[in-house]
Amino acid sequence: MIIRIMGLGQFKVSSSLFDELNAIDNRIVDHVTKGDENAYKQDLLALISKIKQNGKLLDAEEIVESDIIVPPEDLTFEEAKNVFTGSGVFED
């Protein structure tokens, strides 16, 4: 699975990690819905960190379609309200 983190590039991540990443994504949606900005920031950083730690950064010259696009870690809470809705960025 190819995941783009905005501003950081694309990472090839094992599909076996999908459920774990989706769980973090679902928590982020819940935090945004409840207005918990601190928890949102912590889990967004956790999501990005998990992708970077477990994925292989693709060469910037390699053109591959992303399966999932994750916003940058500096996404504001207000911006997150437009991104982390419904099922979030990881759709089941």
N, C-alpha and C. Protein backbone atom coordinates (compact mmCIF):
# COMPACT_ATOMS: atom_id res chain seq x y z
N MET A 1 0.86 -1.16 0.00
CA MET A 1 0.00 0.00 0.00
C MET A 1 0.91 1.23 0.00
N ILE A 2 0.55 2.22 -0.80
CA ILE A 2 1.33 3.45 -0.91
C ILE A 2 0.58 4.57 -0.17
N ILE A 3 1.27 5.18 0.79
CA ILE A 3 0.68 6.26 1.57
C ILE A 3 1.52 7.51 1.36
N ARG A 4 0.86 8.58 0.96
CA ARG A 4 1.53 9.87 0.83
C ARG A 4 1.27 10.67 2.11
N ILE A 5 2.34 11.15 2.71
CA ILE A 5 2.22 12.10 3.80
C ILE A 5 2.54 13.45 3.19
N MET A 6 1.58 14.33 3.19
CA MET A 6 1.75 15.63 2.55
C MET A 6 3.01 16.32 3.08
N GLY A 7 3.87 16.73 2.17
CA GLY A 7 5.09 17.43 2.53
C GLY A 7 6.27 16.53 2.85
N LEU A 8 6.02 15.21 2.98
CA LEU A 8 7.11 14.28 3.32
C LEU A 8 7.38 13.24 2.25
N GLY A 9 6.44 13.04 1.35
CA GLY A 9 6.64 12.06 0.29
C GLY A 9 5.76 10.84 0.46
N GLN A 10 6.09 9.82 -0.35
CA GLN A 10 5.31 8.58 -0.37
C GLN A 10 6.07 7.47 0.33
N PHE A 11 5.31 6.63 1.04
CA PHE A 11 5.89 5.51 1.76
C PHE A 11 5.18 4.23 1.34
N LYS A 12 5.98 3.19 1.08
CA LYS A 12 5.41 1.88 0.81
C LYS A 12 5.27 1.18 2.16
N VAL A 13 4.04 0.84 2.51
CA VAL A 13 3.74 0.25 3.82
C VAL A 13 3.01 -1.07 3.61
N SER A 14 3.34 -2.05 4.41
CA SER A 14 2.68 -3.35 4.33
C SER A 14 1.19 -3.21 4.59
N SER A 15 0.39 -3.88 3.78
CA SER A 15 -1.06 -3.85 3.97
C SER A 15 -1.47 -4.43 5.31
N SER A 16 -0.60 -5.23 5.91
CA SER A 16 -0.92 -5.82 7.22
C SER A 16 -1.02 -4.75 8.30
N LEU A 17 -0.52 -3.56 8.03
CA LEU A 17 -0.56 -2.46 9.01
C LEU A 17 -1.85 -1.65 8.89
N PHE A 18 -2.65 -1.94 7.87
CA PHE A 18 -3.86 -1.15 7.60
C PHE A 18 -4.77 -1.04 8.82
N ASP A 19 -5.06 -2.15 9.48
CA ASP A 19 -6.00 -2.13 10.61
C ASP A 19 -5.50 -1.24 11.75
N GLU A 20 -4.21 -1.30 12.02
CA GLU A 20 -3.63 -0.48 13.09
C GLU A 20 -3.69 1.01 12.72
N LEU A 21 -3.34 1.33 11.48
CA LEU A 21 -3.39 2.72 11.03
C LEU A 21 -4.83 3.22 10.99
N ASN A 22 -5.74 2.37 10.57
CA ASN A 22 -7.16 2.72 10.52
C ASN A 22 -7.70 3.00 11.92
N ALA A 23 -7.26 2.24 12.90
CA ALA A 23 -7.70 2.45 14.29
C ALA A 23 -7.25 3.84 14.78
N ILE A 24 -6.01 4.22 14.46
CA ILE A 24 -5.53 5.55 14.85
C ILE A 24 -6.35 6.62 14.13
N ASP A 25 -6.59 6.41 12.85
CA ASP A 25 -7.38 7.33 12.04
C ASP A 25 -8.78 7.50 12.64
N ASN A 26 -9.40 6.41 13.05
CA ASN A 26 -10.73 6.47 13.65
C ASN A 26 -10.72 7.25 14.97
N ARG A 27 -9.64 7.09 15.74
CA ARG A 27 -9.52 7.86 16.98
C ARG A 27 -9.41 9.35 16.67
N ILE A 28 -8.66 9.68 15.61
CA ILE A 28 -8.52 11.09 15.23
C ILE A 28 -9.88 11.68 14.87
N VAL A 29 -10.67 10.94 14.10
CA VAL A 29 -12.02 11.40 13.75
C VAL A 29 -12.82 11.65 15.03
N ASP A 30 -12.72 10.74 15.99
CA ASP A 30 -13.44 10.88 17.25
C ASP A 30 -12.97 12.12 18.02
N HIS A 31 -11.66 12.34 18.06
CA HIS A 31 -11.12 13.52 18.76
C HIS A 31 -11.63 14.81 18.12
N VAL A 32 -11.62 14.84 16.80
CA VAL A 32 -12.07 16.04 16.08
C VAL A 32 -13.56 16.27 16.35
N THR A 33 -14.33 15.20 16.31
CA THR A 33 -15.77 15.30 16.55
C THR A 33 -16.06 15.83 17.95
N LYS A 34 -15.27 15.38 18.92
CA LYS A 34 -15.48 15.78 20.31
C LYS A 34 -14.80 17.11 20.66
N GLY A 35 -13.99 17.64 19.76
CA GLY A 35 -13.32 18.91 20.00
C GLY A 35 -12.07 18.80 20.86
N ASP A 36 -11.47 17.61 20.92
CA ASP A 36 -10.28 17.38 21.75
C ASP A 36 -9.01 17.62 20.93
N GLU A 37 -8.57 18.86 20.89
CA GLU A 37 -7.44 19.25 20.05
C GLU A 37 -6.13 18.59 20.48
N ASN A 38 -5.89 18.47 21.77
CA ASN A 38 -4.63 17.86 22.25
C ASN A 38 -4.54 16.40 21.83
N ALA A 39 -5.62 15.65 22.03
CA ALA A 39 -5.62 14.23 21.64
C ALA A 39 -5.49 14.10 20.12
N TYR A 40 -6.13 15.00 19.38
CA TYR A 40 -6.00 15.01 17.92
C TYR A 40 -4.55 15.14 17.50
N LYS A 41 -3.85 16.12 18.07
CA LYS A 41 -2.46 16.35 17.71
C LYS A 41 -1.59 15.14 18.04
N GLN A 42 -1.81 14.55 19.21
CA GLN A 42 -1.02 13.38 19.61
C GLN A 42 -1.22 12.21 18.65
N ASP A 43 -2.48 11.95 18.30
CA ASP A 43 -2.73 10.82 17.42
C ASP A 43 -2.33 11.09 15.97
N LEU A 44 -2.42 12.33 15.51
CA LEU A 44 -1.94 12.63 14.16
C LEU A 44 -0.43 12.38 14.09
N LEU A 45 0.29 12.82 15.12
CA LEU A 45 1.74 12.56 15.16
C LEU A 45 2.02 11.06 15.25
N ALA A 46 1.21 10.33 16.01
CA ALA A 46 1.38 8.88 16.14
C ALA A 46 1.15 8.19 14.79
N LEU A 47 0.13 8.63 14.06
CA LEU A 47 -0.18 8.07 12.75
C LEU A 47 0.99 8.27 11.79
N ILE A 48 1.47 9.49 11.71
CA ILE A 48 2.57 9.82 10.81
C ILE A 48 3.83 9.06 11.21
N SER A 49 4.11 9.00 12.49
CA SER A 49 5.28 8.29 12.99
C SER A 49 5.22 6.81 12.65
N LYS A 50 4.06 6.19 12.82
CA LYS A 50 3.88 4.76 12.52
C LYS A 50 4.15 4.48 11.04
N ILE A 51 3.67 5.37 10.18
CA ILE A 51 3.89 5.21 8.73
C ILE A 51 5.38 5.34 8.41
N LYS A 52 6.02 6.36 8.97
CA LYS A 52 7.45 6.59 8.69
C LYS A 52 8.32 5.46 9.23
N GLN A 53 7.99 4.95 10.41
CA GLN A 53 8.79 3.89 11.03
C GLN A 53 8.64 2.55 10.32
N ASN A 54 7.45 2.29 9.79
CA ASN A 54 7.17 0.99 9.20
C ASN A 54 7.16 0.98 7.67
N GLY A 55 7.29 2.16 7.08
CA GLY A 55 7.25 2.24 5.63
C GLY A 55 8.62 2.52 5.03
N LYS A 56 8.69 2.30 3.74
CA LYS A 56 9.92 2.59 2.99
C LYS A 56 9.63 3.83 2.15
N LEU A 57 10.43 4.87 2.36
CA LEU A 57 10.27 6.10 1.61
C LEU A 57 10.61 5.85 0.14
N LEU A 58 9.69 6.19 -0.74
CA LEU A 58 9.93 6.01 -2.17
C LEU A 58 10.73 7.19 -2.70
N ASP A 59 11.52 6.92 -3.71
CA ASP A 59 12.30 7.96 -4.37
C ASP A 59 11.35 8.99 -4.95
N ALA A 60 11.65 10.25 -4.77
CA ALA A 60 10.78 11.33 -5.24
C ALA A 60 10.55 11.28 -6.75
N GLU A 61 11.48 10.69 -7.49
CA GLU A 61 11.34 10.60 -8.94
C GLU A 61 10.45 9.44 -9.37
N GLU A 62 10.15 8.54 -8.43
CA GLU A 62 9.28 7.41 -8.73
C GLU A 62 7.83 7.88 -8.69
N ILE A 63 7.13 7.72 -9.81
CA ILE A 63 5.74 8.17 -9.91
C ILE A 63 4.83 6.97 -9.65
N VAL A 64 4.15 7.02 -8.50
CA VAL A 64 3.24 5.95 -8.11
C VAL A 64 1.99 6.60 -7.53
N GLU A 65 0.83 6.07 -7.90
CA GLU A 65 -0.42 6.60 -7.35
C GLU A 65 -0.52 6.22 -5.88
N SER A 66 -0.91 7.17 -5.05
CA SER A 66 -1.07 6.92 -3.63
C SER A 66 -2.43 6.27 -3.36
N ASP A 67 -2.43 5.27 -2.47
CA ASP A 67 -3.68 4.64 -2.05
C ASP A 67 -4.37 5.51 -1.00
N ILE A 68 -3.56 6.15 -0.17
CA ILE A 68 -4.08 6.97 0.93
C ILE A 68 -3.22 8.22 1.04
N ILE A 69 -3.85 9.34 1.31
CA ILE A 69 -3.12 10.60 1.51
C ILE A 69 -3.38 11.07 2.94
N VAL A 70 -2.29 11.24 3.67
CA VAL A 70 -2.36 11.68 5.06
C VAL A 70 -1.92 13.15 5.11
N PRO A 71 -2.66 13.97 5.81
CA PRO A 71 -2.27 15.38 5.90
C PRO A 71 -0.98 15.56 6.68
N PRO A 72 -0.35 16.72 6.56
CA PRO A 72 0.91 16.97 7.28
C PRO A 72 0.67 17.11 8.78
N GLU A 73 1.75 16.94 9.53
CA GLU A 73 1.63 17.01 10.99
C GLU A 73 1.27 18.39 11.50
N ASP A 74 1.44 19.41 10.67
CA ASP A 74 1.09 20.77 11.11
C ASP A 74 -0.33 21.18 10.70
N LEU A 75 -1.15 20.20 10.29
CA LEU A 75 -2.55 20.48 9.96
C LEU A 75 -3.24 21.05 11.19
N THR A 76 -3.85 22.20 11.04
CA THR A 76 -4.50 22.82 12.19
C THR A 76 -5.76 22.04 12.56
N PHE A 77 -6.21 22.26 13.78
CA PHE A 77 -7.42 21.59 14.25
C PHE A 77 -8.62 22.02 13.41
N GLU A 78 -8.66 23.30 13.04
CA GLU A 78 -9.75 23.78 12.19
C GLU A 78 -9.73 23.09 10.83
N GLU A 79 -8.55 22.93 10.24
CA GLU A 79 -8.43 22.24 8.95
C GLU A 79 -8.81 20.77 9.10
N ALA A 80 -8.47 20.18 10.24
CA ALA A 80 -8.76 18.77 10.48
C ALA A 80 -10.26 18.49 10.46
N LYS A 81 -11.05 19.47 10.81
CA LYS A 81 -12.50 19.30 10.81
C LYS A 81 -13.03 19.01 9.41
N ASN A 82 -12.29 19.41 8.38
CA ASN A 82 -12.69 19.15 7.00
C ASN A 82 -12.10 17.86 6.45
N VAL A 83 -11.09 17.32 7.12
CA VAL A 83 -10.38 16.14 6.64
C VAL A 83 -10.83 14.88 7.37
N PHE A 84 -10.86 14.96 8.68
CA PHE A 84 -11.16 13.78 9.50
C PHE A 84 -12.64 13.75 9.84
N THR A 85 -13.43 13.37 8.84
CA THR A 85 -14.87 13.23 9.00
C THR A 85 -15.27 11.83 8.58
N GLY A 86 -16.43 11.41 8.94
CA GLY A 86 -16.92 10.09 8.53
C GLY A 86 -15.98 8.98 8.93
N SER A 87 -15.38 8.33 7.94
CA SER A 87 -14.45 7.23 8.23
C SER A 87 -13.00 7.68 8.17
N GLY A 88 -12.76 8.98 8.06
CA GLY A 88 -11.38 9.49 8.06
C GLY A 88 -10.68 9.28 6.73
N VAL A 89 -9.35 9.25 6.77
CA VAL A 89 -8.56 9.11 5.54
C VAL A 89 -8.35 7.63 5.17
N PHE A 90 -8.47 6.74 6.15
CA PHE A 90 -8.37 5.30 5.90
C PHE A 90 -9.79 4.75 5.85
N GLU A 91 -10.28 4.49 4.66
CA GLU A 91 -11.63 4.00 4.52
C GLU A 91 -11.63 2.49 4.51
N ASP A 92 -12.57 1.92 5.27
CA ASP A 92 -12.65 0.44 5.35
C ASP A 92 -13.05 -0.16 4.03
